[in-house]
Amino acid sequence: MRAVPEHFARRHPADLQAKMEAASRPVRCILNRTLLGHETSEADGVTLFKATGADKDAVFATADEMRRQTNGDRVTFVVNRNINFTNICYMGCRFCGFAKRAEEEGAEWLSPGQIAARAQVAWDRGGTEVCVQGGLHPNLPGTYYRDIVLAIKAVLPDMHVHGFSPFEVWYGAAKSKLGYREFLTDLRDCGLGSMPGTAAEILDTEVRKKLTKNKLSTEKWVEIICTAHDVGLPTSATIMYGHVDAPEHWAAHIALLRDVQRDTGGFTELVPLSFVHTESPLYAQAPGQVRPGPTEDEVYLMHAVSRIMLNGFIDNIQVSWTKLGAERARQMLAHGANDMGGTLMNESISRAAGSRHGQEITAREFCDIIRSAGRVPVRRNTVYDTIEVFENHDPEEFAPLVARQNADPCDFMKMFPVAE
């Protein structure tokens, strides 16, 4: 078990006060109002996203304090497996490097039985969740989504199935000739436990036209999410940033998520997703018009401002370690984040876009990373109920499901001491 470095002791509010005093008056006023419990407006969010210098430091300190007030020193993670059941998709989203044509080398389409078998492997490794998503295969029958859930539940009745983005629900409902409510109610009755709030990208029509030709509009995304919440399916929320967007889009997106949460209360967390440009057609076709992902400061600010704007609405800000890498994900724990996401076991979508941060971080590795940041590791389930607190012990150790052939995502941990 790794020791907690002394220099990572919890930040004292006096440090926050010093940073507030150094900030400009406009930013200080916004942050003081937030700390007093007032809602941060969309316009104020834009101001915070543009913060530099001492203003930026005050934003980070405020987000960290709000994280501490809401979540304490516990940092959560879930033991899960990611199952991308097909990479065959003809939707043509310009940012996506994952999709393949059916005849391409490496094209894959799993049967419900194969998906259930992968879920069984996850269960045997201590997993409590499978995250099931895939491309929009042109030959996919409308019953395929329910067949997946039924197949998993037939062999693993206690496995939580977290599946199907709003884009997949839009597609499946159309294939089934059902309304969203009827389609989602059926999936819930089959055993679906929750949905990923992916396919959100940026909830702005002009940006979506550039990313996806607006095939799933903002209005449809919100309608499907609200319907899921209404039939009893909680969802995550996401934002994908750092491409053809700007702070004004980010603040509007987060404000819209907040409005949805005000109405439904169905979001479990926000997951900021940094755009990975390396293998993205969007960047390859127009590198002069598309940014190669967010800057380092923008990554910090996205997590921090999200915490500030969503204070009192969405309590959990999750880090996407597949996008950022484990070392930078750990740094987000000082910028408003309180959740490290899932172990995943397999990861395809970020890798297809060019990410080189690995496919799995084990529960034992998560505990080491979290402790090195001076926090307490907590294993949770999908909806953030506590399963186990690792205050003075470690979880069972498993080797990565897929052998690591290149760099270990946790190599940076060698700089931290190991307790005797």
Protein backbone atom coordinates (compact mmCIF):
# COMPACT_ATOMS: atom_id res chain seq x y z
CA MET A 1 0.00 0.00 0.00
CA ARG A 2 1.45 3.37 -1.02
CA ALA A 3 2.00 6.03 1.62
CA VAL A 4 0.25 9.41 1.46
CA PRO A 5 2.84 12.15 0.77
CA GLU A 6 2.87 14.80 3.49
CA HIS A 7 2.83 17.65 0.94
CA PHE A 8 -0.61 16.48 -0.27
CA ALA A 9 -2.35 17.35 2.98
CA ARG A 10 -5.85 18.75 2.50
CA ARG A 11 -5.88 22.37 1.41
CA HIS A 12 -6.88 24.69 4.25
CA PRO A 13 -9.55 27.33 3.53
CA ALA A 14 -6.95 30.00 4.38
CA ASP A 15 -5.22 29.10 1.13
CA LEU A 16 -8.48 29.65 -0.71
CA GLN A 17 -8.84 33.05 0.94
CA ALA A 18 -5.36 34.08 -0.16
CA LYS A 19 -6.08 33.10 -3.76
CA MET A 20 -9.40 34.94 -3.69
CA GLU A 21 -7.68 38.10 -2.49
CA ALA A 22 -5.20 37.88 -5.36
CA ALA A 23 -7.95 37.50 -7.99
CA SER A 24 -9.53 40.35 -9.95
CA ARG A 25 -12.66 41.91 -8.52
CA PRO A 26 -15.08 40.50 -11.17
CA VAL A 27 -13.86 36.92 -10.70
CA ARG A 28 -13.71 37.30 -6.92
CA CYS A 29 -17.34 38.50 -6.89
CA ILE A 30 -18.49 35.51 -9.00
CA LEU A 31 -16.68 33.02 -6.80
CA ASN A 32 -17.83 34.62 -3.54
CA ARG A 33 -21.45 34.46 -4.70
CA THR A 34 -20.98 30.80 -5.61
CA LEU A 35 -19.47 29.96 -2.23
CA LEU A 36 -22.49 31.63 -0.60
CA GLY A 37 -24.76 29.22 -2.47
CA HIS A 38 -25.86 31.38 -5.40
CA GLU A 39 -26.15 29.87 -8.87
CA THR A 40 -23.37 30.74 -11.31
CA SER A 41 -24.91 32.21 -14.46
CA GLU A 42 -23.99 31.18 -17.97
CA ALA A 43 -22.31 34.56 -18.54
CA ASP A 44 -20.31 34.16 -15.33
CA GLY A 45 -19.33 30.67 -16.48
CA VAL A 46 -17.84 32.15 -19.65
CA THR A 47 -15.83 34.57 -17.51
CA LEU A 48 -14.50 31.73 -15.38
CA PHE A 49 -13.59 29.62 -18.42
CA LYS A 50 -11.50 32.53 -19.70
CA ALA A 51 -9.67 33.02 -16.39
CA THR A 52 -5.89 33.40 -16.44
CA GLY A 53 -3.15 34.01 -13.89
CA ALA A 54 -4.37 34.71 -10.34
CA ASP A 55 -7.99 34.49 -11.49
CA LYS A 56 -7.40 30.94 -12.71
CA ASP A 57 -5.80 29.95 -9.40
CA ALA A 58 -8.82 31.30 -7.53
CA VAL A 59 -11.16 29.27 -9.76
CA PHE A 60 -9.18 26.11 -9.05
CA ALA A 61 -9.10 26.73 -5.29
CA THR A 62 -12.84 27.44 -5.20
CA ALA A 63 -13.65 24.27 -7.14
CA ASP A 64 -11.45 22.23 -4.82
CA GLU A 65 -13.14 23.70 -1.76
CA MET A 66 -16.60 23.02 -3.18
CA ARG A 67 -15.51 19.45 -3.93
CA ARG A 68 -14.34 19.10 -0.33
CA GLN A 69 -17.61 20.46 1.05
CA THR A 70 -19.68 18.12 -1.15
CA ASN A 71 -17.61 14.93 -1.27
CA GLY A 72 -15.10 15.24 1.54
CA ASP A 73 -11.77 13.50 0.93
CA ARG A 74 -13.26 10.38 -0.63
CA VAL A 75 -12.55 9.62 -4.29
CA THR A 76 -14.70 6.98 -5.92
CA PHE A 77 -14.33 4.47 -8.74
CA VAL A 78 -16.36 1.57 -10.14
CA VAL A 79 -15.11 -1.88 -11.20
CA ASN A 80 -16.61 -2.32 -14.64
CA ARG A 81 -16.02 -3.58 -18.14
CA ASN A 82 -16.52 -1.60 -21.33
CA ILE A 83 -18.13 -3.66 -24.12
CA ASN A 84 -18.29 -1.98 -27.54
CA PHE A 85 -20.45 -4.52 -29.33
CA THR A 86 -19.85 -3.23 -32.87
CA ASN A 87 -17.60 -0.73 -34.55
CA ILE A 88 -19.61 -0.90 -37.76
CA CYS A 89 -21.37 2.43 -38.23
CA TYR A 90 -22.37 4.50 -41.25
CA MET A 91 -23.46 7.66 -39.43
CA GLY A 92 -20.31 9.50 -40.47
CA CYS A 93 -19.68 11.58 -37.33
CA ARG A 94 -16.63 13.60 -38.33
CA PHE A 95 -14.85 13.47 -34.96
CA CYS A 96 -15.05 9.67 -34.67
CA GLY A 97 -12.11 7.41 -35.45
CA PHE A 98 -13.91 4.32 -34.12
CA ALA A 99 -16.41 3.58 -36.91
CA LYS A 100 -15.70 1.09 -39.69
CA ARG A 101 -17.54 -0.15 -42.75
CA ALA A 102 -18.71 -3.76 -42.63
CA GLU A 103 -16.13 -4.88 -45.20
CA GLU A 104 -13.15 -3.20 -43.50
CA GLU A 105 -10.45 -5.15 -41.73
CA GLY A 106 -11.11 -5.15 -38.00
CA ALA A 107 -14.87 -4.68 -38.33
CA GLU A 108 -16.68 -6.46 -35.49
CA TRP A 109 -20.25 -7.21 -34.46
CA LEU A 110 -20.85 -9.28 -31.33
CA SER A 111 -23.89 -11.44 -30.71
CA PRO A 112 -25.86 -11.02 -27.46
CA GLY A 113 -24.36 -14.34 -26.32
CA GLN A 114 -20.81 -13.10 -26.90
CA ILE A 115 -21.60 -9.90 -24.99
CA ALA A 116 -22.98 -11.93 -22.07
CA ALA A 117 -19.81 -14.04 -22.06
CA ARG A 118 -17.68 -10.90 -21.77
CA ALA A 119 -19.92 -9.70 -18.95
CA GLN A 120 -19.33 -13.00 -17.15
CA VAL A 121 -15.56 -12.42 -17.33
CA ALA A 122 -16.07 -8.98 -15.78
CA TRP A 123 -18.21 -10.45 -12.99
CA ASP A 124 -15.55 -13.08 -12.25
CA ARG A 125 -13.02 -10.24 -11.89
CA GLY A 126 -15.21 -8.41 -9.37
CA GLY A 127 -17.08 -6.19 -11.79
CA THR A 128 -20.49 -4.83 -10.84
CA GLU A 129 -21.19 -2.97 -14.10
CA VAL A 130 -20.90 -3.48 -17.82
CA CYS A 131 -20.97 -0.34 -19.97
CA VAL A 132 -22.46 -1.41 -23.30
CA GLN A 133 -22.30 0.86 -26.35
CA GLY A 134 -21.61 0.49 -30.04
CA GLY A 135 -21.91 1.84 -33.54
CA LEU A 136 -25.19 2.19 -35.42
CA HIS A 137 -24.93 -0.90 -37.61
CA PRO A 138 -27.18 -0.59 -40.70
CA ASN A 139 -28.38 -4.22 -40.36
CA LEU A 140 -28.99 -4.06 -36.64
CA PRO A 141 -32.54 -5.24 -35.79
CA GLY A 142 -34.67 -3.12 -33.50
CA THR A 143 -34.76 -5.93 -30.93
CA TYR A 144 -30.96 -6.12 -30.66
CA TYR A 145 -30.66 -3.75 -27.70
CA ARG A 146 -33.25 -5.58 -25.60
CA ASP A 147 -31.69 -8.91 -26.61
CA ILE A 148 -28.34 -7.73 -25.22
CA VAL A 149 -29.86 -6.80 -21.86
CA LEU A 150 -31.85 -10.02 -21.63
CA ALA A 151 -28.79 -12.11 -22.48
CA ILE A 152 -26.68 -10.48 -19.76
CA LYS A 153 -29.42 -10.66 -17.15
CA ALA A 154 -30.11 -14.32 -17.94
CA VAL A 155 -26.64 -15.31 -16.72
CA LEU A 156 -25.87 -12.40 -14.36
CA PRO A 157 -29.07 -11.14 -12.75
CA ASP A 158 -27.15 -8.87 -10.35
CA MET A 159 -24.90 -7.25 -12.97
CA HIS A 160 -25.75 -3.59 -13.56
CA VAL A 161 -26.20 -2.91 -17.26
CA HIS A 162 -25.23 0.66 -18.10
CA GLY A 163 -25.97 0.95 -21.75
CA PHE A 164 -26.95 2.71 -24.95
CA SER A 165 -26.34 6.37 -25.66
CA PRO A 166 -29.18 8.70 -26.67
CA PHE A 167 -28.00 8.25 -30.28
CA GLU A 168 -28.47 4.48 -29.94
CA VAL A 169 -31.90 4.99 -28.34
CA TRP A 170 -32.87 7.28 -31.23
CA TYR A 171 -31.71 4.59 -33.68
CA GLY A 172 -33.22 1.63 -31.85
CA ALA A 173 -36.57 3.35 -31.39
CA ALA A 174 -36.69 4.17 -35.10
CA LYS A 175 -35.75 0.58 -36.02
CA SER A 176 -38.44 -0.75 -33.68
CA LYS A 177 -41.02 1.82 -34.80
CA LEU A 178 -41.54 2.76 -31.15
CA GLY A 179 -41.64 6.07 -29.33
CA TYR A 180 -38.76 6.88 -26.99
CA ARG A 181 -40.84 6.27 -23.86
CA GLU A 182 -42.07 2.88 -25.02
CA PHE A 183 -38.59 1.85 -26.19
CA LEU A 184 -36.88 2.92 -22.96
CA THR A 185 -39.58 1.44 -20.74
CA ASP A 186 -39.11 -1.90 -22.47
CA LEU A 187 -35.32 -1.75 -21.98
CA ARG A 188 -35.85 -0.90 -18.30
CA ASP A 189 -38.22 -3.83 -17.89
CA CYS A 190 -35.68 -6.12 -19.57
CA GLY A 191 -33.12 -5.11 -16.94
CA LEU A 192 -31.33 -1.99 -18.18
CA GLY A 193 -30.14 -0.12 -15.08
CA SER A 194 -28.88 3.21 -16.43
CA MET A 195 -27.68 5.00 -19.56
CA PRO A 196 -24.49 6.81 -20.53
CA GLY A 197 -25.18 10.43 -21.44
CA THR A 198 -22.77 10.28 -24.35
CA ALA A 199 -23.47 11.62 -27.88
CA ALA A 200 -23.89 15.02 -26.22
CA GLU A 201 -20.64 16.39 -27.67
CA ILE A 202 -21.53 20.12 -27.49
CA LEU A 203 -25.23 20.89 -27.18
CA ASP A 204 -25.18 23.69 -29.73
CA THR A 205 -26.76 23.41 -33.18
CA GLU A 206 -23.97 25.08 -35.17
CA VAL A 207 -21.25 23.04 -33.48
CA ARG A 208 -23.25 19.83 -33.92
CA LYS A 209 -23.64 20.52 -37.64
CA LYS A 210 -19.86 20.53 -37.93
CA LEU A 211 -19.40 17.41 -35.80
CA THR A 212 -22.31 15.16 -36.77
CA LYS A 213 -24.34 17.09 -39.37
CA ASN A 214 -26.82 17.47 -36.49
CA LYS A 215 -28.10 13.92 -36.97
CA LEU A 216 -29.08 13.83 -33.32
CA SER A 217 -30.12 17.38 -32.49
CA THR A 218 -29.73 19.05 -29.11
CA GLU A 219 -33.50 18.93 -28.72
CA LYS A 220 -33.63 15.18 -29.42
CA TRP A 221 -30.73 14.48 -27.06
CA VAL A 222 -32.48 16.38 -24.26
CA GLU A 223 -35.82 14.72 -25.02
CA ILE A 224 -34.33 11.23 -24.84
CA ILE A 225 -32.38 11.98 -21.66
CA CYS A 226 -35.43 13.49 -19.96
CA THR A 227 -37.56 10.52 -21.02
CA ALA A 228 -34.97 8.12 -19.60
CA HIS A 229 -35.00 9.98 -16.30
CA ASP A 230 -38.80 10.01 -16.30
CA VAL A 231 -39.08 6.22 -16.70
CA GLY A 232 -36.56 5.65 -13.92
CA LEU A 233 -33.28 5.28 -15.80
CA PRO A 234 -30.54 7.53 -14.37
CA THR A 235 -27.86 8.71 -16.78
CA SER A 236 -24.45 10.29 -16.79
CA ALA A 237 -23.87 13.62 -18.54
CA THR A 238 -20.93 14.42 -20.81
CA ILE A 239 -19.29 17.25 -22.71
CA MET A 240 -16.69 16.71 -25.47
CA TYR A 241 -14.56 19.82 -25.88
CA GLY A 242 -11.45 21.17 -27.59
CA HIS A 243 -12.31 20.98 -31.31
CA VAL A 244 -14.47 23.67 -33.01
CA ASP A 245 -15.96 25.02 -29.79
CA ALA A 246 -15.29 27.90 -27.40
CA PRO A 247 -15.95 28.94 -23.76
CA GLU A 248 -19.35 30.34 -24.73
CA HIS A 249 -20.39 26.88 -25.96
CA TRP A 250 -19.07 25.18 -22.82
CA ALA A 251 -20.93 27.46 -20.43
CA ALA A 252 -24.18 27.13 -22.40
CA HIS A 253 -23.82 23.33 -22.49
CA ILE A 254 -23.29 23.08 -18.73
CA ALA A 255 -26.14 25.51 -18.04
CA LEU A 256 -28.44 23.33 -20.17
CA LEU A 257 -27.39 20.21 -18.26
CA ARG A 258 -28.12 22.08 -15.04
CA ASP A 259 -31.60 22.99 -16.29
CA VAL A 260 -32.29 19.34 -17.14
CA GLN A 261 -31.08 18.28 -13.70
CA ARG A 262 -33.27 20.91 -12.08
CA ASP A 263 -36.28 19.34 -13.81
CA THR A 264 -35.45 15.63 -13.54
CA GLY A 265 -32.69 14.98 -10.98
CA GLY A 266 -31.58 12.04 -13.12
CA PHE A 267 -27.90 12.80 -13.80
CA THR A 268 -25.45 10.85 -11.64
CA GLU A 269 -22.28 12.65 -12.76
CA LEU A 270 -20.67 14.87 -15.37
CA VAL A 271 -17.81 13.41 -17.40
CA PRO A 272 -15.76 15.99 -19.35
CA LEU A 273 -14.26 14.32 -22.43
CA SER A 274 -11.22 15.94 -24.04
CA PHE A 275 -11.23 15.76 -27.84
CA VAL A 276 -8.52 13.33 -29.03
CA HIS A 277 -7.46 14.54 -32.46
CA THR A 278 -4.76 12.07 -33.52
CA GLU A 279 -6.89 9.70 -35.63
CA SER A 280 -9.98 11.89 -35.89
CA PRO A 281 -11.25 12.58 -39.43
CA LEU A 282 -12.45 16.00 -38.25
CA TYR A 283 -8.88 17.09 -37.54
CA ALA A 284 -7.24 15.18 -40.40
CA GLN A 285 -9.48 16.82 -43.01
CA ALA A 286 -9.19 20.39 -41.70
CA PRO A 287 -6.28 20.76 -39.28
CA GLY A 288 -6.22 24.52 -39.72
CA GLN A 289 -9.86 24.84 -38.63
CA VAL A 290 -9.96 22.27 -35.84
CA ARG A 291 -7.98 22.46 -32.63
CA PRO A 292 -5.89 19.42 -31.60
CA GLY A 293 -7.76 19.04 -28.33
CA PRO A 294 -7.99 21.40 -25.36
CA THR A 295 -4.99 23.12 -23.81
CA GLU A 296 -3.71 22.03 -20.42
CA ASP A 297 -5.35 25.02 -18.73
CA GLU A 298 -8.64 24.34 -20.52
CA VAL A 299 -8.68 20.79 -19.14
CA TYR A 300 -8.19 22.09 -15.60
CA LEU A 301 -10.76 24.82 -16.09
CA MET A 302 -13.35 22.44 -17.57
CA HIS A 303 -13.35 20.29 -14.46
CA ALA A 304 -13.18 23.26 -12.09
CA VAL A 305 -15.87 25.43 -13.72
CA SER A 306 -18.13 22.41 -14.12
CA ARG A 307 -17.89 21.84 -10.37
CA ILE A 308 -18.69 25.49 -9.72
CA MET A 309 -21.61 25.81 -12.16
CA LEU A 310 -23.16 22.48 -11.16
CA ASN A 311 -22.79 22.99 -7.42
CA GLY A 312 -25.91 21.70 -5.71
CA PHE A 313 -27.16 20.03 -8.88
CA ILE A 314 -24.67 17.34 -9.97
CA ASP A 315 -22.42 16.28 -7.09
CA ASN A 316 -19.97 14.09 -8.98
CA ILE A 317 -17.38 15.30 -11.49
CA GLN A 318 -15.69 12.32 -13.10
CA VAL A 319 -12.28 12.22 -14.75
CA SER A 320 -11.87 10.40 -18.06
CA TRP A 321 -8.48 8.77 -17.57
CA THR A 322 -8.64 7.22 -21.04
CA LYS A 323 -8.61 10.74 -22.52
CA LEU A 324 -6.13 12.37 -20.14
CA GLY A 325 -3.94 9.55 -18.88
CA ALA A 326 -3.72 8.45 -15.27
CA GLU A 327 -1.21 11.11 -14.18
CA ARG A 328 -3.26 14.06 -15.46
CA ALA A 329 -6.45 12.43 -14.20
CA ARG A 330 -4.92 12.42 -10.74
CA GLN A 331 -4.18 16.13 -11.07
CA MET A 332 -7.89 16.80 -11.69
CA LEU A 333 -8.57 15.66 -8.12
CA ALA A 334 -7.23 19.06 -7.02
CA HIS A 335 -9.44 20.88 -9.55
CA GLY A 336 -12.95 19.85 -8.58
CA ALA A 337 -13.11 16.17 -9.59
CA ASN A 338 -14.04 13.47 -7.09
CA ASP A 339 -14.45 10.34 -9.23
CA MET A 340 -11.95 8.36 -11.30
CA GLY A 341 -14.53 6.54 -13.41
CA GLY A 342 -14.26 2.84 -14.15
CA THR A 343 -11.58 0.19 -14.44
CA LEU A 344 -13.02 -0.53 -17.96
CA MET A 345 -10.97 -3.72 -18.64
CA ASN A 346 -11.38 -3.00 -22.38
CA GLU A 347 -11.45 0.38 -24.11
CA SER A 348 -11.91 0.92 -27.83
CA ILE A 349 -13.33 4.34 -28.66
CA SER A 350 -10.57 6.55 -27.23
CA ARG A 351 -7.90 4.20 -28.58
CA ALA A 352 -9.44 4.40 -32.04
CA ALA A 353 -9.19 8.19 -31.85
CA GLY A 354 -5.49 7.94 -31.06
CA SER A 355 -5.38 7.83 -27.27
CA ARG A 356 -2.43 5.84 -25.90
CA HIS A 357 -3.41 5.76 -22.21
CA GLY A 358 -4.24 2.06 -21.94
CA GLN A 359 -7.35 -0.06 -21.64
CA GLU A 360 -7.56 -0.75 -17.91
CA ILE A 361 -6.59 0.66 -14.55
CA THR A 362 -7.18 -1.99 -11.91
CA ALA A 363 -8.89 -1.36 -8.58
CA ARG A 364 -5.55 -1.78 -6.77
CA GLU A 365 -3.95 0.80 -9.07
CA PHE A 366 -6.84 3.21 -8.55
CA CYS A 367 -6.31 2.95 -4.80
CA ASP A 368 -2.60 3.74 -5.18
CA ILE A 369 -3.33 6.76 -7.38
CA ILE A 370 -6.02 8.12 -5.07
CA ARG A 371 -3.93 7.69 -1.93
CA SER A 372 -0.98 9.43 -3.57
CA ALA A 373 -3.23 12.48 -3.92
CA GLY A 374 -3.98 12.44 -0.20
CA ARG A 375 -7.52 11.07 -0.61
CA VAL A 376 -9.41 7.99 0.54
CA PRO A 377 -10.28 5.42 -2.18
CA VAL A 378 -13.88 4.24 -2.28
CA ARG A 379 -15.35 1.58 -4.52
CA ARG A 380 -18.88 2.50 -5.61
CA ASN A 381 -21.59 1.07 -7.77
CA THR A 382 -22.97 2.74 -10.91
CA VAL A 383 -25.34 5.06 -9.04
CA TYR A 384 -22.73 6.07 -6.45
CA ASP A 385 -23.73 3.85 -3.54
CA THR A 386 -20.64 2.91 -1.52
CA ILE A 387 -19.52 -0.71 -1.83
CA GLU A 388 -16.23 -0.58 0.08
CA VAL A 389 -13.95 2.05 1.64
CA PHE A 390 -10.24 1.24 1.30
CA GLU A 391 -8.97 3.23 4.24
CA ASN A 392 -6.54 0.68 5.66
CA HIS A 393 -6.57 -2.19 3.17
CA ASP A 394 -6.37 -2.89 -0.55
CA PRO A 395 -8.76 -4.57 -2.99
CA GLU A 396 -8.05 -7.99 -4.43
CA GLU A 397 -5.34 -7.77 -7.06
CA PHE A 398 -6.02 -8.78 -10.67
CA ALA A 399 -3.62 -8.61 -13.58
CA PRO A 400 -4.96 -6.44 -16.44
CA LEU A 401 -7.44 -8.36 -18.60
CA VAL A 402 -5.52 -7.37 -21.74
CA ALA A 403 -1.76 -7.75 -21.30
CA ARG A 404 0.07 -4.42 -21.49
CA GLN A 405 2.46 -4.50 -24.38
CA ASN A 406 3.59 -0.87 -24.29
CA ALA A 407 3.74 1.72 -21.53
CA ASP A 408 2.04 1.06 -18.22
CA PRO A 409 -0.53 3.86 -17.57
CA CYS A 410 0.56 3.91 -13.94
CA ASP A 411 4.33 4.15 -14.53
CA PHE A 412 4.31 7.69 -13.13
CA MET A 413 3.44 6.24 -9.70
CA LYS A 414 7.05 5.09 -9.30
CA MET A 415 7.90 8.57 -8.06
CA PHE A 416 5.80 8.04 -4.94
CA PRO A 417 7.06 6.11 -1.89
CA VAL A 418 5.64 2.71 -0.98
CA ALA A 419 4.76 2.13 2.69
CA GLU A 420 6.62 -0.71 4.37
